Amino acid sequence: VRRGAAGRDQGQWRDRGAMLMKAEDVESAYRAYATALELTAGDQAALDGLVRAAAASHQQEDAERRLRAIVLAGASQPAPRVALARLLGMRGRFNEAAAMATDATTLAPMDPTTWEELASLHADAGDVIRLHPVVEVLRREFPMRAASWYFAASESFLKGDVTTALPLVRRAIDLDAGYADAYNLLGAI
């Protein structure tokens, strides 16, 4: 059994982590995602999984240490920065998180996920002033992504302008009928 586990590749560890998360074995899932990232540090699914599993298993400090090491080792990769920003945001450290996400947007200005993470952080912090320019980039550069319209709606909602927010959130749902956050916002409007 040990030899079989030792011989797994990065994808197998990542998939194991996903399976263990579904089985609600979050501690083992965290370890599997951590192992996957030791083998291939830039895997988006493993980075996302590590952050989710860290939150569920109360391993945020260890995950932060791991993600910071990955960021330092892979100076030009945006995905680890996005993952670290998400983790820092979950921990309420919005300024650090926003700085990390901003760094990711600089490294990959045409990667919508970097901008979406930055928008998410500003929206979660209720920072309409910092959210506005990010929404402008999302709408201009990525108009066919539901998140662009969702964050535009979020900005309007945070300003108290539900009349403007309503058609924007509906546009997000039209683009992605499975976008749960948009339905949550629609329910709040």
C-alpha atoms as a PDB file:
ATOM      1  CA  VAL A   1       0.000   0.000   0.000  1.00  0.00           C
ATOM      2  CA  ARG A   2       2.796   2.411   0.916  1.00  0.00           C
ATOM      3  CA  ARG A   3       4.629   1.762  -2.334  1.00  0.00           C
ATOM      4  CA  GLY A   4       1.423   2.465  -4.267  1.00  0.00           C
ATOM      5  CA  ALA A   5       0.907   5.755  -2.458  1.00  0.00           C
ATOM      6  CA  ALA A   6       4.539   6.770  -2.908  1.00  0.00           C
ATOM      7  CA  GLY A   7       4.346   6.139  -6.647  1.00  0.00           C
ATOM      8  CA  ARG A   8       1.395   8.457  -7.281  1.00  0.00           C
ATOM      9  CA  ASP A   9       1.877  11.432  -9.529  1.00  0.00           C
ATOM     10  CA  GLN A  10       0.696  14.955  -8.870  1.00  0.00           C
ATOM     11  CA  GLY A  11      -2.648  14.451 -10.629  1.00  0.00           C
ATOM     12  CA  GLN A  12      -3.402  11.348  -8.632  1.00  0.00           C
ATOM     13  CA  TRP A  13      -2.698  13.172  -5.351  1.00  0.00           C
ATOM     14  CA  ARG A  14      -4.905  16.068  -6.455  1.00  0.00           C
ATOM     15  CA  ASP A  15      -7.699  13.673  -7.425  1.00  0.00           C
ATOM     16  CA  ARG A  16      -7.284  11.847  -4.116  1.00  0.00           C
ATOM     17  CA  GLY A  17      -7.677  15.169  -2.323  1.00  0.00           C
ATOM     18  CA  ALA A  18     -10.897  15.863  -4.228  1.00  0.00           C
ATOM     19  CA  MET A  19     -12.252  12.414  -3.411  1.00  0.00           C
ATOM     20  CA  LEU A  20     -11.394  12.816   0.266  1.00  0.00           C
ATOM     21  CA  MET A  21     -13.073  16.249   0.378  1.00  0.00           C
ATOM     22  CA  LYS A  22     -16.255  14.675  -0.997  1.00  0.00           C
ATOM     23  CA  ALA A  23     -15.968  12.013   1.695  1.00  0.00           C
ATOM     24  CA  GLU A  24     -15.537  14.829   4.261  1.00  0.00           C
ATOM     25  CA  ASP A  25     -12.124  13.534   5.360  1.00  0.00           C
ATOM     26  CA  VAL A  26     -10.731  17.055   5.290  1.00  0.00           C
ATOM     27  CA  GLU A  27      -7.481  16.348   7.144  1.00  0.00           C
ATOM     28  CA  SER A  28      -6.489  13.618   4.684  1.00  0.00           C
ATOM     29  CA  ALA A  29      -7.658  15.783   1.791  1.00  0.00           C
ATOM     30  CA  TYR A  30      -5.422  18.592   2.995  1.00  0.00           C
ATOM     31  CA  ARG A  31      -2.425  16.254   3.126  1.00  0.00           C
ATOM     32  CA  ALA A  32      -3.191  14.931  -0.369  1.00  0.00           C
ATOM     33  CA  TYR A  33      -3.431  18.423  -1.850  1.00  0.00           C
ATOM     34  CA  ALA A  34      -0.220  19.428  -0.065  1.00  0.00           C
ATOM     35  CA  THR A  35       1.541  16.418  -1.559  1.00  0.00           C
ATOM     36  CA  ALA A  36       0.207  17.254  -5.030  1.00  0.00           C
ATOM     37  CA  LEU A  37       1.611  20.767  -4.710  1.00  0.00           C
ATOM     38  CA  GLU A  38       4.978  19.464  -3.561  1.00  0.00           C
ATOM     39  CA  LEU A  39       5.115  17.619  -6.892  1.00  0.00           C
ATOM     40  CA  THR A  40       3.689  20.410  -9.120  1.00  0.00           C
ATOM     41  CA  ALA A  41       3.295  23.744  -7.373  1.00  0.00           C
ATOM     42  CA  GLY A  42       1.262  25.536 -10.033  1.00  0.00           C
ATOM     43  CA  ASP A  43      -1.700  23.175 -10.399  1.00  0.00           C
ATOM     44  CA  GLN A  44      -4.813  25.368 -10.133  1.00  0.00           C
ATOM     45  CA  ALA A  45      -7.138  22.610  -8.938  1.00  0.00           C
ATOM     46  CA  ALA A  46      -4.666  21.496  -6.260  1.00  0.00           C
ATOM     47  CA  LEU A  47      -4.163  25.110  -5.118  1.00  0.00           C
ATOM     48  CA  ASP A  48      -7.934  25.629  -4.856  1.00  0.00           C
ATOM     49  CA  GLY A  49      -8.328  22.309  -3.082  1.00  0.00           C
ATOM     50  CA  LEU A  50      -5.568  23.115  -0.604  1.00  0.00           C
ATOM     51  CA  VAL A  51      -7.267  26.388   0.347  1.00  0.00           C
ATOM     52  CA  ARG A  52     -10.686  24.735   0.785  1.00  0.00           C
ATOM     53  CA  ALA A  53      -9.240  21.808   2.733  1.00  0.00           C
ATOM     54  CA  ALA A  54      -7.121  24.121   4.904  1.00  0.00           C
ATOM     55  CA  ALA A  55     -10.200  26.094   5.916  1.00  0.00           C
ATOM     56  CA  ALA A  56     -12.204  22.937   6.628  1.00  0.00           C
ATOM     57  CA  SER A  57      -9.401  21.256   8.605  1.00  0.00           C
ATOM     58  CA  HIS A  58      -8.189  24.383  10.417  1.00  0.00           C
ATOM     59  CA  GLN A  59      -4.807  24.170   8.689  1.00  0.00           C
ATOM     60  CA  GLN A  60      -4.755  27.808   7.524  1.00  0.00           C
ATOM     61  CA  GLU A  61      -1.384  28.616   9.105  1.00  0.00           C
ATOM     62  CA  ASP A  62       0.317  25.637   7.481  1.00  0.00           C
ATOM     63  CA  ALA A  63      -1.380  26.392   4.170  1.00  0.00           C
ATOM     64  CA  GLU A  64      -0.237  30.005   4.330  1.00  0.00           C
ATOM     65  CA  ARG A  65       3.344  28.865   4.933  1.00  0.00           C
ATOM     66  CA  ARG A  66       3.157  26.443   2.009  1.00  0.00           C
ATOM     67  CA  LEU A  67       1.580  28.960  -0.349  1.00  0.00           C
ATOM     68  CA  ARG A  68       4.096  31.668   0.554  1.00  0.00           C
ATOM     69  CA  ALA A  69       6.918  29.230  -0.218  1.00  0.00           C
ATOM     70  CA  ILE A  70       5.315  28.403  -3.581  1.00  0.00           C
ATOM     71  CA  VAL A  71       4.905  32.107  -4.385  1.00  0.00           C
ATOM     72  CA  LEU A  72       8.555  32.764  -3.580  1.00  0.00           C
ATOM     73  CA  ALA A  73       9.728  29.795  -5.649  1.00  0.00           C
ATOM     74  CA  GLY A  74       7.531  30.585  -8.682  1.00  0.00           C
ATOM     75  CA  ALA A  75       8.032  34.299  -9.091  1.00  0.00           C
ATOM     76  CA  SER A  76       6.015  34.610 -12.315  1.00  0.00           C
ATOM     77  CA  GLN A  77       3.050  32.347 -11.578  1.00  0.00           C
ATOM     78  CA  PRO A  78      -0.258  34.095 -10.786  1.00  0.00           C
ATOM     79  CA  ALA A  79      -2.202  31.002  -9.591  1.00  0.00           C
ATOM     80  CA  PRO A  80      -0.363  30.556  -6.256  1.00  0.00           C
ATOM     81  CA  ARG A  81      -0.846  34.266  -5.554  1.00  0.00           C
ATOM     82  CA  VAL A  82      -4.573  33.967  -6.207  1.00  0.00           C
ATOM     83  CA  ALA A  83      -4.750  30.973  -3.857  1.00  0.00           C
ATOM     84  CA  LEU A  84      -2.792  32.804  -1.149  1.00  0.00           C
ATOM     85  CA  ALA A  85      -4.978  35.889  -1.606  1.00  0.00           C
ATOM     86  CA  ARG A  86      -8.090  33.740  -1.169  1.00  0.00           C
ATOM     87  CA  LEU A  87      -6.663  32.155   1.983  1.00  0.00           C
ATOM     88  CA  LEU A  88      -5.671  35.519   3.448  1.00  0.00           C
ATOM     89  CA  GLY A  89      -9.130  36.884   2.643  1.00  0.00           C
ATOM     90  CA  MET A  90     -10.743  33.931   4.410  1.00  0.00           C
ATOM     91  CA  ARG A  91      -8.676  34.865   7.434  1.00  0.00           C
ATOM     92  CA  GLY A  92      -9.934  38.463   7.320  1.00  0.00           C
ATOM     93  CA  ARG A  93      -6.584  39.879   6.206  1.00  0.00           C
ATOM     94  CA  PHE A  94      -8.072  41.830   3.314  1.00  0.00           C
ATOM     95  CA  ASN A  95      -5.252  44.332   2.778  1.00  0.00           C
ATOM     96  CA  GLU A  96      -2.616  41.594   2.492  1.00  0.00           C
ATOM     97  CA  ALA A  97      -4.959  39.552   0.331  1.00  0.00           C
ATOM     98  CA  ALA A  98      -5.708  42.470  -1.990  1.00  0.00           C
ATOM     99  CA  ALA A  99      -1.985  43.206  -2.367  1.00  0.00           C
ATOM    100  CA  MET A 100      -1.334  39.583  -3.319  1.00  0.00           C
ATOM    101  CA  ALA A 101      -4.248  39.522  -5.784  1.00  0.00           C
ATOM    102  CA  THR A 102      -3.101  42.830  -7.276  1.00  0.00           C
ATOM    103  CA  ASP A 103       0.319  41.285  -7.803  1.00  0.00           C
ATOM    104  CA  ALA A 104      -1.384  38.408  -9.644  1.00  0.00           C
ATOM    105  CA  THR A 105      -3.230  40.864 -11.929  1.00  0.00           C
ATOM    106  CA  THR A 106       0.094  42.506 -12.756  1.00  0.00           C
ATOM    107  CA  LEU A 107       1.649  39.159 -13.656  1.00  0.00           C
ATOM    108  CA  ALA A 108      -1.336  38.017 -15.722  1.00  0.00           C
ATOM    109  CA  PRO A 109      -3.442  41.035 -16.724  1.00  0.00           C
ATOM    110  CA  MET A 110      -5.495  39.016 -19.214  1.00  0.00           C
ATOM    111  CA  ASP A 111      -6.299  36.205 -16.760  1.00  0.00           C
ATOM    112  CA  PRO A 112      -9.855  36.885 -15.558  1.00  0.00           C
ATOM    113  CA  THR A 113      -9.427  34.748 -12.439  1.00  0.00           C
ATOM    114  CA  THR A 114      -6.869  37.192 -11.046  1.00  0.00           C
ATOM    115  CA  TRP A 115      -9.256  40.120 -11.462  1.00  0.00           C
ATOM    116  CA  GLU A 116     -12.192  38.103 -10.132  1.00  0.00           C
ATOM    117  CA  GLU A 117     -10.275  37.249  -6.956  1.00  0.00           C
ATOM    118  CA  LEU A 118      -9.357  40.906  -6.462  1.00  0.00           C
ATOM    119  CA  ALA A 119     -12.994  41.925  -6.993  1.00  0.00           C
ATOM    120  CA  SER A 120     -14.158  39.248  -4.571  1.00  0.00           C
ATOM    121  CA  LEU A 121     -11.832  40.522  -1.866  1.00  0.00           C
ATOM    122  CA  HIS A 122     -12.956  44.128  -2.279  1.00  0.00           C
ATOM    123  CA  ALA A 123     -16.620  43.085  -2.343  1.00  0.00           C
ATOM    124  CA  ASP A 124     -16.215  40.916   0.762  1.00  0.00           C
ATOM    125  CA  ALA A 125     -14.548  43.825   2.543  1.00  0.00           C
ATOM    126  CA  GLY A 126     -17.365  46.153   1.413  1.00  0.00           C
ATOM    127  CA  ASP A 127     -14.763  48.419  -0.218  1.00  0.00           C
ATOM    128  CA  VAL A 128     -16.759  49.990  -3.066  1.00  0.00           C
ATOM    129  CA  ILE A 129     -14.035  52.526  -3.862  1.00  0.00           C
ATOM    130  CA  ARG A 130     -11.421  49.836  -4.534  1.00  0.00           C
ATOM    131  CA  LEU A 131     -13.987  47.541  -6.166  1.00  0.00           C
ATOM    132  CA  HIS A 132     -15.022  50.074  -8.831  1.00  0.00           C
ATOM    133  CA  PRO A 133     -11.829  50.079 -10.972  1.00  0.00           C
ATOM    134  CA  VAL A 134     -11.650  46.295 -10.833  1.00  0.00           C
ATOM    135  CA  VAL A 135     -15.256  46.043 -12.040  1.00  0.00           C
ATOM    136  CA  GLU A 136     -14.372  48.423 -14.878  1.00  0.00           C
ATOM    137  CA  VAL A 137     -11.559  46.091 -16.012  1.00  0.00           C
ATOM    138  CA  LEU A 138     -13.787  43.019 -15.710  1.00  0.00           C
ATOM    139  CA  ARG A 139     -16.597  44.539 -17.766  1.00  0.00           C
ATOM    140  CA  ARG A 140     -14.265  45.961 -20.409  1.00  0.00           C
ATOM    141  CA  GLU A 141     -11.902  42.987 -20.822  1.00  0.00           C
ATOM    142  CA  PHE A 142     -14.125  40.035 -19.919  1.00  0.00           C
ATOM    143  CA  PRO A 143     -17.722  40.966 -20.836  1.00  0.00           C
ATOM    144  CA  MET A 144     -18.737  37.367 -21.565  1.00  0.00           C
ATOM    145  CA  ARG A 145     -17.899  36.143 -18.067  1.00  0.00           C
ATOM    146  CA  ALA A 146     -20.720  35.994 -15.551  1.00  0.00           C
ATOM    147  CA  ALA A 147     -18.425  37.156 -12.758  1.00  0.00           C
ATOM    148  CA  SER A 148     -17.868  40.487 -14.517  1.00  0.00           C
ATOM    149  CA  TRP A 149     -21.562  41.275 -14.247  1.00  0.00           C
ATOM    150  CA  TYR A 150     -21.930  39.716 -10.819  1.00  0.00           C
ATOM    151  CA  PHE A 151     -19.260  42.016  -9.403  1.00  0.00           C
ATOM    152  CA  ALA A 152     -20.787  44.999 -11.196  1.00  0.00           C
ATOM    153  CA  ALA A 153     -24.082  44.095  -9.523  1.00  0.00           C
ATOM    154  CA  SER A 154     -22.288  43.650  -6.193  1.00  0.00           C
ATOM    155  CA  GLU A 155     -20.777  47.114  -6.510  1.00  0.00           C
ATOM    156  CA  SER A 156     -24.203  48.647  -7.146  1.00  0.00           C
ATOM    157  CA  PHE A 157     -25.746  46.643  -4.317  1.00  0.00           C
ATOM    158  CA  LEU A 158     -23.029  47.766  -1.900  1.00  0.00           C
ATOM    159  CA  LYS A 159     -23.788  51.359  -2.891  1.00  0.00           C
ATOM    160  CA  GLY A 160     -27.464  50.733  -2.080  1.00  0.00           C
ATOM    161  CA  ASP A 161     -28.497  51.016  -5.739  1.00  0.00           C
ATOM    162  CA  VAL A 162     -30.637  47.904  -6.198  1.00  0.00           C
ATOM    163  CA  THR A 163     -32.306  49.330  -9.310  1.00  0.00           C
ATOM    164  CA  THR A 164     -28.962  49.222 -11.131  1.00  0.00           C
ATOM    165  CA  ALA A 165     -27.873  45.962  -9.482  1.00  0.00           C
ATOM    166  CA  LEU A 166     -30.901  43.947 -10.634  1.00  0.00           C
ATOM    167  CA  PRO A 167     -30.279  43.914 -14.427  1.00  0.00           C
ATOM    168  CA  LEU A 168     -26.560  43.375 -13.844  1.00  0.00           C
ATOM    169  CA  VAL A 169     -27.098  40.278 -11.718  1.00  0.00           C
ATOM    170  CA  ARG A 170     -29.640  39.000 -14.233  1.00  0.00           C
ATOM    171  CA  ARG A 171     -27.001  39.393 -16.960  1.00  0.00           C
ATOM    172  CA  ALA A 172     -24.630  37.274 -14.858  1.00  0.00           C
ATOM    173  CA  ILE A 173     -27.279  34.559 -14.550  1.00  0.00           C
ATOM    174  CA  ASP A 174     -27.990  34.731 -18.300  1.00  0.00           C
ATOM    175  CA  LEU A 175     -24.294  34.061 -18.947  1.00  0.00           C
ATOM    176  CA  ASP A 176     -24.030  31.272 -16.373  1.00  0.00           C
ATOM    177  CA  ALA A 177     -27.271  29.750 -15.128  1.00  0.00           C
ATOM    178  CA  GLY A 178     -25.336  27.778 -12.494  1.00  0.00           C
ATOM    179  CA  TYR A 179     -23.611  30.764 -10.865  1.00  0.00           C
ATOM    180  CA  ALA A 180     -24.745  30.321  -7.246  1.00  0.00           C
ATOM    181  CA  ASP A 181     -23.322  33.619  -5.978  1.00  0.00           C
ATOM    182  CA  ALA A 182     -25.429  35.499  -8.527  1.00  0.00           C
ATOM    183  CA  TYR A 183     -28.581  33.774  -7.268  1.00  0.00           C
ATOM    184  CA  ASN A 184     -27.611  34.656  -3.694  1.00  0.00           C
ATOM    185  CA  LEU A 185     -27.238  38.288  -4.674  1.00  0.00           C
ATOM    186  CA  LEU A 186     -30.497  38.198  -6.597  1.00  0.00           C
ATOM    187  CA  GLY A 187     -32.206  36.904  -3.448  1.00  0.00           C
ATOM    188  CA  ALA A 188     -30.702  39.747  -1.406  1.00  0.00           C
ATOM    189  CA  ILE A 189     -31.914  42.343  -3.900  1.00  0.00           C
END
